[in-house]
C-alpha atoms as a PDB file:
ATOM      1  CA  MET A   1     100.310  89.403 125.208  1.00  0.00           C
ATOM      2  CA  THR A   2     103.746  87.811 125.066  1.00  0.00           C
ATOM      3  CA  ALA A   3     106.035  87.850 122.057  1.00  0.00           C
ATOM      4  CA  SER A   4     105.447  84.130 121.615  1.00  0.00           C
ATOM      5  CA  SER A   5     101.663  84.474 121.513  1.00  0.00           C
ATOM      6  CA  LYS A   6     101.922  87.409 119.087  1.00  0.00           C
ATOM      7  CA  SER A   7     104.113  85.291 116.844  1.00  0.00           C
ATOM      8  CA  SER A   8     101.757  82.309 116.932  1.00  0.00           C
ATOM      9  CA  HIS A   9      98.775  84.598 116.269  1.00  0.00           C
ATOM     10  CA  ALA A  10     100.551  86.083 113.239  1.00  0.00           C
ATOM     11  CA  THR A  11     101.505  82.605 112.018  1.00  0.00           C
ATOM     12  CA  GLY A  12      97.887  81.478 112.333  1.00  0.00           C
ATOM     13  CA  ALA A  13      96.691  84.487 110.343  1.00  0.00           C
ATOM     14  CA  VAL A  14      99.204  83.754 107.584  1.00  0.00           C
ATOM     15  CA  ARG A  15      98.124  80.112 107.452  1.00  0.00           C
ATOM     16  CA  ARG A  16      94.459  81.099 107.202  1.00  0.00           C
ATOM     17  CA  ARG A  17      95.237  83.598 104.429  1.00  0.00           C
ATOM     18  CA  ASN A  18      97.240  80.959 102.537  1.00  0.00           C
ATOM     19  CA  ALA A  19      94.470  78.383 102.988  1.00  0.00           C
ATOM     20  CA  ARG A  20      91.903  80.850 101.644  1.00  0.00           C
ATOM     21  CA  ALA A  21      94.153  81.611  98.680  1.00  0.00           C
ATOM     22  CA  TRP A  22      94.405  77.892  97.860  1.00  0.00           C
ATOM     23  CA  VAL A  23      90.621  77.522  98.043  1.00  0.00           C
ATOM     24  CA  VAL A  24      90.193  80.524  95.739  1.00  0.00           C
ATOM     25  CA  LEU A  25      92.777  79.006  93.373  1.00  0.00           C
ATOM     26  CA  LEU A  26      90.832  75.725  93.290  1.00  0.00           C
ATOM     27  CA  ILE A  27      87.675  77.689  92.473  1.00  0.00           C
ATOM     28  CA  ALA A  28      89.598  79.495  89.722  1.00  0.00           C
ATOM     29  CA  GLY A  29      90.595  76.078  88.372  1.00  0.00           C
ATOM     30  CA  VAL A  30      86.958  74.978  88.252  1.00  0.00           C
ATOM     31  CA  PHE A  31      86.072  78.178  86.377  1.00  0.00           C
ATOM     32  CA  GLU A  32      88.973  77.446  84.011  1.00  0.00           C
ATOM     33  CA  ILE A  33      87.475  74.035  83.278  1.00  0.00           C
ATOM     34  CA  GLY A  34      84.143  75.733  82.533  1.00  0.00           C
ATOM     35  CA  TYR A  35      85.890  78.238  80.271  1.00  0.00           C
ATOM     36  CA  ALA A  36      87.783  75.574  78.314  1.00  0.00           C
ATOM     37  CA  VAL A  37      84.728  73.362  77.869  1.00  0.00           C
ATOM     38  CA  SER A  38      82.511  76.324  76.920  1.00  0.00           C
ATOM     39  CA  THR A  39      85.066  77.551  74.405  1.00  0.00           C
ATOM     40  CA  GLY A  40      85.109  74.098  72.822  1.00  0.00           C
ATOM     41  CA  GLY A  41      81.326  74.003  72.768  1.00  0.00           C
ATOM     42  CA  SER A  42      81.141  77.430  71.150  1.00  0.00           C
ATOM     43  CA  GLU A  43      82.883  76.027  68.052  1.00  0.00           C
ATOM     44  CA  GLY A  44      84.817  79.199  67.348  1.00  0.00           C
ATOM     45  CA  PHE A  45      82.271  81.384  69.139  1.00  0.00           C
ATOM     46  CA  THR A  46      79.572  80.534  66.598  1.00  0.00           C
ATOM     47  CA  HIS A  47      77.064  79.199  69.173  1.00  0.00           C
ATOM     48  CA  LEU A  48      75.606  82.006  71.278  1.00  0.00           C
ATOM     49  CA  TYR A  49      74.963  80.231  74.598  1.00  0.00           C
ATOM     50  CA  TRP A  50      78.294  78.421  74.649  1.00  0.00           C
ATOM     51  CA  SER A  51      80.006  81.709  73.742  1.00  0.00           C
ATOM     52  CA  LEU A  52      78.243  83.586  76.547  1.00  0.00           C
ATOM     53  CA  ALA A  53      79.140  80.830  79.001  1.00  0.00           C
ATOM     54  CA  ALA A  54      82.772  81.025  77.851  1.00  0.00           C
ATOM     55  CA  ALA A  55      82.826  84.796  78.412  1.00  0.00           C
ATOM     56  CA  VAL A  56      81.358  84.455  81.915  1.00  0.00           C
ATOM     57  CA  PHE A  57      83.705  81.620  82.885  1.00  0.00           C
ATOM     58  CA  PHE A  58      86.673  83.579  81.495  1.00  0.00           C
ATOM     59  CA  LEU A  59      85.792  86.594  83.622  1.00  0.00           C
ATOM     60  CA  PHE A  60      85.414  84.501  86.772  1.00  0.00           C
ATOM     61  CA  THR A  61      88.540  82.427  86.197  1.00  0.00           C
ATOM     62  CA  VAL A  62      90.732  85.487  85.665  1.00  0.00           C
ATOM     63  CA  LEU A  63      89.271  87.335  88.657  1.00  0.00           C
ATOM     64  CA  THR A  64      89.618  84.407  91.047  1.00  0.00           C
ATOM     65  CA  LEU A  65      93.120  83.628  89.767  1.00  0.00           C
ATOM     66  CA  ALA A  66      94.128  87.248  90.363  1.00  0.00           C
ATOM     67  CA  LEU A  67      92.739  87.100  93.904  1.00  0.00           C
ATOM     68  CA  ALA A  68      94.653  83.904  94.661  1.00  0.00           C
ATOM     69  CA  LEU A  69      97.881  85.335  93.241  1.00  0.00           C
ATOM     70  CA  LYS A  70      97.727  88.226  95.704  1.00  0.00           C
ATOM     71  CA  THR A  71      98.900  85.667  98.277  1.00  0.00           C
ATOM     72  CA  LEU A  72     100.441  82.768  96.351  1.00  0.00           C
ATOM     73  CA  ASP A  73     103.601  82.788  94.257  1.00  0.00           C
ATOM     74  CA  VAL A  74     102.758  83.454  90.612  1.00  0.00           C
ATOM     75  CA  GLY A  75     104.683  80.461  89.264  1.00  0.00           C
ATOM     76  CA  VAL A  76     103.113  78.020  91.694  1.00  0.00           C
ATOM     77  CA  GLY A  77      99.607  79.460  91.398  1.00  0.00           C
ATOM     78  CA  TYR A  78      99.659  79.586  87.616  1.00  0.00           C
ATOM     79  CA  ALA A  79     101.024  76.047  87.325  1.00  0.00           C
ATOM     80  CA  VAL A  80      98.337  74.678  89.645  1.00  0.00           C
ATOM     81  CA  TRP A  81      95.600  76.649  87.866  1.00  0.00           C
ATOM     82  CA  THR A  82      96.604  75.399  84.419  1.00  0.00           C
ATOM     83  CA  GLY A  83      97.004  71.852  85.741  1.00  0.00           C
ATOM     84  CA  ILE A  84      93.502  71.869  87.188  1.00  0.00           C
ATOM     85  CA  GLY A  85      92.115  73.428  84.024  1.00  0.00           C
ATOM     86  CA  SER A  86      93.799  71.099  81.552  1.00  0.00           C
ATOM     87  CA  SER A  87      93.127  67.908  83.495  1.00  0.00           C
ATOM     88  CA  GLY A  88      89.566  68.860  84.342  1.00  0.00           C
ATOM     89  CA  ALA A  89      88.776  70.002  80.806  1.00  0.00           C
ATOM     90  CA  ALA A  90      89.995  66.687  79.404  1.00  0.00           C
ATOM     91  CA  VAL A  91      87.793  64.713  81.793  1.00  0.00           C
ATOM     92  CA  VAL A  92      84.696  66.919  81.420  1.00  0.00           C
ATOM     93  CA  SER A  93      85.081  67.071  77.622  1.00  0.00           C
ATOM     94  CA  SER A  94      85.150  63.289  77.492  1.00  0.00           C
ATOM     95  CA  VAL A  95      81.715  63.294  79.125  1.00  0.00           C
ATOM     96  CA  VAL A  96      80.112  66.379  77.530  1.00  0.00           C
ATOM     97  CA  PHE A  97      81.494  65.988  73.991  1.00  0.00           C
ATOM     98  CA  ASP A  98      82.143  62.235  74.020  1.00  0.00           C
ATOM     99  CA  GLN A  99      85.843  62.817  73.334  1.00  0.00           C
ATOM    100  CA  PRO A 100      87.996  59.734  73.845  1.00  0.00           C
ATOM    101  CA  LEU A 101      89.843  59.413  77.137  1.00  0.00           C
ATOM    102  CA  THR A 102      92.366  56.708  76.316  1.00  0.00           C
ATOM    103  CA  PRO A 103      94.643  54.991  78.835  1.00  0.00           C
ATOM    104  CA  LEU A 104      97.586  56.974  77.456  1.00  0.00           C
ATOM    105  CA  ARG A 105      95.732  60.259  77.969  1.00  0.00           C
ATOM    106  CA  ILE A 106      94.772  59.190  81.482  1.00  0.00           C
ATOM    107  CA  PHE A 107      98.435  58.439  82.186  1.00  0.00           C
ATOM    108  CA  TRP A 108      99.552  61.903  81.059  1.00  0.00           C
ATOM    109  CA  LEU A 109      96.744  63.564  83.013  1.00  0.00           C
ATOM    110  CA  ALA A 110      98.012  61.685  86.066  1.00  0.00           C
ATOM    111  CA  VAL A 111     101.496  63.046  85.337  1.00  0.00           C
ATOM    112  CA  ILE A 112     100.069  66.586  85.257  1.00  0.00           C
ATOM    113  CA  ILE A 113      98.237  66.017  88.543  1.00  0.00           C
ATOM    114  CA  ALA A 114     101.376  64.547  90.133  1.00  0.00           C
ATOM    115  CA  GLY A 115     103.310  67.613  88.995  1.00  0.00           C
ATOM    116  CA  VAL A 116     100.723  69.944  90.506  1.00  0.00           C
ATOM    117  CA  VAL A 117     100.829  68.045  93.796  1.00  0.00           C
ATOM    118  CA  GLY A 118     104.630  68.150  93.704  1.00  0.00           C
ATOM    119  CA  ILE A 119     104.622  71.906  93.153  1.00  0.00           C
ATOM    120  CA  LYS A 120     102.224  72.356  96.065  1.00  0.00           C
ATOM    121  CA  LEU A 121     104.336  70.186  98.351  1.00  0.00           C
ATOM    122  CA  ALA A 122     107.541  71.938  97.288  1.00  0.00           C
ATOM    123  CA  SER A 123     106.009  75.312  98.139  1.00  0.00           C
ATOM    124  CA  SER A 124     104.865  74.356 101.626  1.00  0.00           C
ATOM    125  CA  PRO A 125     106.039  76.511 104.555  1.00  0.00           C
ATOM    126  CA  LYS A 126     107.849  73.547 106.119  1.00  0.00           C
ATOM    127  CA  VAL A 127     109.919  73.014 102.983  1.00  0.00           C
ATOM    128  CA  ASP A 128     110.602  76.758 102.728  1.00  0.00           C
ATOM    129  CA  ALA A 129     111.648  76.897 106.398  1.00  0.00           C
ATOM    130  CA  ALA A 130     113.949  73.893 105.994  1.00  0.00           C
ATOM    131  CA  ALA A 131     115.564  75.425 102.918  1.00  0.00           C
ATOM    132  CA  ALA A 132     116.107  78.840 104.547  1.00  0.00           C
ATOM    133  CA  PRO A 133     119.178  77.829 106.626  1.00  0.00           C
ATOM    134  CA  ALA A 134     120.739  76.217 103.565  1.00  0.00           C
ATOM    135  CA  ARG A 135     120.348  79.453 101.586  1.00  0.00           C
ATOM    136  CA  GLN A 136     122.020  81.509 104.296  1.00  0.00           C
ATOM    137  CA  THR A 137     125.276  79.561 104.139  1.00  0.00           C
END
């Protein structure tokens, strides 16, 4: 095996690991939505089934977030996780609890989503590689 093929094999493994971490982070975000909605439904943990659902979702969201953060940067991963959770909880709560989703709220949710996408794009390997020579000078 040549040095070039070893390098490309290692690069492929890193990309697969990063892709898996992003998938796990998205799953953590979905669990975060479930946790937020269940916590709201529990009304201060006074409704048993909503409270149990909140506890289960909390466990899963923290575990999957921790798994994703083994690979991803903490700042990026946490920002994406909270963005998914807050945006998703607002949308799901509007359906489940009939909470208003006004145009102004939709606008600010779009701002959150745009910020999450921006963070993801700014943390891409291509951006990091392009910035590396600038940091060395």
